[in-house]
C-alpha atoms as a PDB file:
ATOM      1  CA  GLU A   1      93.943-127.139  13.534  1.00  0.00           C
ATOM      2  CA  VAL A   2      95.045-126.909  17.195  1.00  0.00           C
ATOM      3  CA  VAL A   3      98.672-127.278  16.123  1.00  0.00           C
ATOM      4  CA  GLY A   4      98.223-124.526  13.524  1.00  0.00           C
ATOM      5  CA  ILE A   5      96.878-122.120  16.142  1.00  0.00           C
ATOM      6  CA  LEU A   6      99.710-122.999  18.504  1.00  0.00           C
ATOM      7  CA  GLU A   7     102.270-122.525  15.741  1.00  0.00           C
ATOM      8  CA  LYS A   8     100.912-119.019  15.065  1.00  0.00           C
ATOM      9  CA  LYS A   9     101.068-118.171  18.794  1.00  0.00           C
ATOM     10  CA  VAL A  10     104.683-119.319  19.008  1.00  0.00           C
ATOM     11  CA  SER A  11     105.658-117.412  15.874  1.00  0.00           C
ATOM     12  CA  THR A  12     104.084-114.204  17.195  1.00  0.00           C
ATOM     13  CA  THR A  13     105.729-114.709  20.590  1.00  0.00           C
ATOM     14  CA  ILE A  14     109.170-115.212  19.049  1.00  0.00           C
ATOM     15  CA  GLU A  15     108.719-112.077  16.969  1.00  0.00           C
ATOM     16  CA  CYS A  16     107.813-109.985  20.044  1.00  0.00           C
ATOM     17  CA  TYR A  17     110.504-111.582  22.185  1.00  0.00           C
ATOM     18  CA  GLN A  18     113.174-110.828  19.569  1.00  0.00           C
ATOM     19  CA  ALA A  19     112.798-107.112  20.350  1.00  0.00           C
ATOM     20  CA  ILE A  20     114.868-107.459  23.526  1.00  0.00           C
ATOM     21  CA  PHE A  21     117.747-109.034  21.629  1.00  0.00           C
ATOM     22  CA  ASP A  22     117.554-106.300  19.002  1.00  0.00           C
ATOM     23  CA  LYS A  23     118.562-103.837  21.742  1.00  0.00           C
ATOM     24  CA  LYS A  24     121.914-105.578  22.138  1.00  0.00           C
ATOM     25  CA  TYR A  25     123.607-102.636  23.866  1.00  0.00           C
ATOM     26  CA  LEU A  26     120.958-102.758  26.603  1.00  0.00           C
ATOM     27  CA  PHE A  27     120.789-106.546  26.726  1.00  0.00           C
ATOM     28  CA  GLU A  28     124.515-106.735  27.431  1.00  0.00           C
ATOM     29  CA  LEU A  29     124.013-104.569  30.542  1.00  0.00           C
ATOM     30  CA  LEU A  30     121.714-107.153  32.153  1.00  0.00           C
ATOM     31  CA  LEU A  31     122.997-109.471  34.850  1.00  0.00           C
ATOM     32  CA  GLY A  32     124.355-112.749  33.548  1.00  0.00           C
ATOM     33  CA  ASP A  33     121.556-114.792  35.164  1.00  0.00           C
ATOM     34  CA  SER A  34     118.917-112.743  33.361  1.00  0.00           C
ATOM     35  CA  GLN A  35     120.769-112.977  30.073  1.00  0.00           C
ATOM     36  CA  HIS A  36     121.050-116.738  30.463  1.00  0.00           C
ATOM     37  CA  ALA A  37     117.368-117.193  31.360  1.00  0.00           C
ATOM     38  CA  LEU A  38     116.221-115.032  28.451  1.00  0.00           C
ATOM     39  CA  HIS A  39     118.510-116.800  25.969  1.00  0.00           C
ATOM     40  CA  HIS A  40     117.428-120.221  27.237  1.00  0.00           C
ATOM     41  CA  PHE A  41     113.736-119.360  26.920  1.00  0.00           C
ATOM     42  CA  ALA A  42     114.337-118.035  23.393  1.00  0.00           C
ATOM     43  CA  ASP A  43     116.116-121.290  22.540  1.00  0.00           C
ATOM     44  CA  GLN A  44     113.163-123.272  23.897  1.00  0.00           C
ATOM     45  CA  LEU A  45     110.693-121.219  21.841  1.00  0.00           C
ATOM     46  CA  ASN A  46     112.844-121.713  18.754  1.00  0.00           C
ATOM     47  CA  TRP A  47     112.982-125.456  19.448  1.00  0.00           C
ATOM     48  CA  VAL A  48     109.185-125.546  19.575  1.00  0.00           C
ATOM     49  CA  SER A  49     109.015-123.616  16.308  1.00  0.00           C
ATOM     50  CA  ASP A  50     111.518-125.941  14.641  1.00  0.00           C
ATOM     51  CA  ASN A  51     109.728-129.097  15.816  1.00  0.00           C
ATOM     52  CA  PHE A  52     106.075-128.501  14.978  1.00  0.00           C
ATOM     53  CA  ASN A  53     106.279-131.484  12.641  1.00  0.00           C
ATOM     54  CA  LYS A  54     106.358-133.602  15.847  1.00  0.00           C
ATOM     55  CA  ALA A  55     103.617-131.640  17.638  1.00  0.00           C
ATOM     56  CA  ASN A  56     101.090-134.461  17.291  1.00  0.00           C
ATOM     57  CA  ASN A  57     103.330-136.507  19.609  1.00  0.00           C
ATOM     58  CA  TRP A  58     103.285-133.838  22.324  1.00  0.00           C
ATOM     59  CA  SER A  59     100.927-134.297  25.250  1.00  0.00           C
ATOM     60  CA  LYS A  60      98.022-131.963  25.966  1.00  0.00           C
ATOM     61  CA  GLN A  61      99.977-130.703  28.968  1.00  0.00           C
ATOM     62  CA  GLN A  62     102.914-129.819  26.713  1.00  0.00           C
ATOM     63  CA  HIS A  63     100.611-128.026  24.256  1.00  0.00           C
ATOM     64  CA  ASP A  64      99.044-126.172  27.184  1.00  0.00           C
ATOM     65  CA  SER A  65     102.420-125.163  28.633  1.00  0.00           C
ATOM     66  CA  ILE A  66     103.513-123.733  25.276  1.00  0.00           C
ATOM     67  CA  SER A  67     100.245-121.861  24.942  1.00  0.00           C
ATOM     68  CA  TRP A  68     100.506-120.540  28.499  1.00  0.00           C
ATOM     69  CA  ALA A  69     104.102-119.362  27.973  1.00  0.00           C
ATOM     70  CA  CYS A  70     103.019-117.491  24.849  1.00  0.00           C
ATOM     71  CA  ARG A  71     100.066-115.969  26.690  1.00  0.00           C
ATOM     72  CA  CYS A  72     102.358-114.767  29.499  1.00  0.00           C
ATOM     73  CA  VAL A  73     104.792-113.130  27.076  1.00  0.00           C
ATOM     74  CA  GLY A  74     101.786-111.539  25.383  1.00  0.00           C
ATOM     75  CA  THR A  75     100.844-109.761  28.613  1.00  0.00           C
ATOM     76  CA  VAL A  76     104.165-107.899  28.758  1.00  0.00           C
ATOM     77  CA  GLU A  77     103.941-104.310  27.513  1.00  0.00           C
ATOM     78  CA  PHE A  78     107.069-103.972  25.422  1.00  0.00           C
ATOM     79  CA  SER A  79     106.304-100.338  24.695  1.00  0.00           C
ATOM     80  CA  THR A  80     103.550 -97.825  25.271  1.00  0.00           C
ATOM     81  CA  LYS A  81     102.564 -94.602  23.605  1.00  0.00           C
ATOM     82  CA  GLU A  82     104.564 -92.700  26.226  1.00  0.00           C
ATOM     83  CA  GLU A  83     107.459 -95.116  26.680  1.00  0.00           C
ATOM     84  CA  PRO A  84     109.288 -96.957  23.921  1.00  0.00           C
ATOM     85  CA  LEU A  85     111.033-100.250  24.678  1.00  0.00           C
ATOM     86  CA  VAL A  86     114.326 -98.441  25.311  1.00  0.00           C
ATOM     87  CA  LYS A  87     112.793 -96.696  28.345  1.00  0.00           C
ATOM     88  CA  ARG A  88     110.909 -99.786  29.528  1.00  0.00           C
ATOM     89  CA  PHE A  89     113.739-102.236  28.876  1.00  0.00           C
ATOM     90  CA  ARG A  90     114.571-103.088  32.506  1.00  0.00           C
ATOM     91  CA  LYS A  91     110.928-103.679  33.439  1.00  0.00           C
ATOM     92  CA  VAL A  92     110.261-105.692  30.288  1.00  0.00           C
ATOM     93  CA  THR A  93     113.318-107.897  30.766  1.00  0.00           C
ATOM     94  CA  LYS A  94     112.491-108.353  34.458  1.00  0.00           C
ATOM     95  CA  ASP A  95     108.993-109.548  33.519  1.00  0.00           C
ATOM     96  CA  LEU A  96     110.341-111.778  30.751  1.00  0.00           C
ATOM     97  CA  THR A  97     113.010-113.236  33.050  1.00  0.00           C
ATOM     98  CA  SER A  98     110.273-114.135  35.517  1.00  0.00           C
ATOM     99  CA  ILE A  99     108.343-115.876  32.728  1.00  0.00           C
ATOM    100  CA  ALA A 100     111.502-117.597  31.486  1.00  0.00           C
ATOM    101  CA  ASN A 101     112.177-118.900  34.994  1.00  0.00           C
ATOM    102  CA  GLY A 102     108.546-120.015  35.367  1.00  0.00           C
ATOM    103  CA  GLY A 103     109.292-123.493  34.074  1.00  0.00           C
ATOM    104  CA  TYR A 104     106.634-123.494  31.341  1.00  0.00           C
ATOM    105  CA  LEU A 105     108.964-125.056  28.801  1.00  0.00           C
ATOM    106  CA  ASP A 106     111.202-127.067  31.130  1.00  0.00           C
ATOM    107  CA  TRP A 107     110.039-130.278  29.447  1.00  0.00           C
ATOM    108  CA  ILE A 108     112.227-129.186  26.530  1.00  0.00           C
ATOM    109  CA  SER A 109     115.819-130.211  27.180  1.00  0.00           C
ATOM    110  CA  LEU A 110     118.355-128.586  24.941  1.00  0.00           C
END
């Protein structure tokens, strides 16, 4: 049950996170360090998604770090009624880069 909830959180997070990559023309304007951090975090999230069959072997701390990373991404306002993602892109990617560099998923080595 806990793994199922976590899997849903990760899936939702990946779906939201994908929005920044969908704006490729804006993504390519970001500094290389930001691009790298965002790509790496996406790879880590995808690794989690691809390895839920092993989730019962993960520690509580690892489960918690995944959950916390998803919660942090969930606090980012990708768009508002007044501002679509295109207008908020720099702020959104700055916030996401900070989350990506937060070390939540550093236990995942790719």
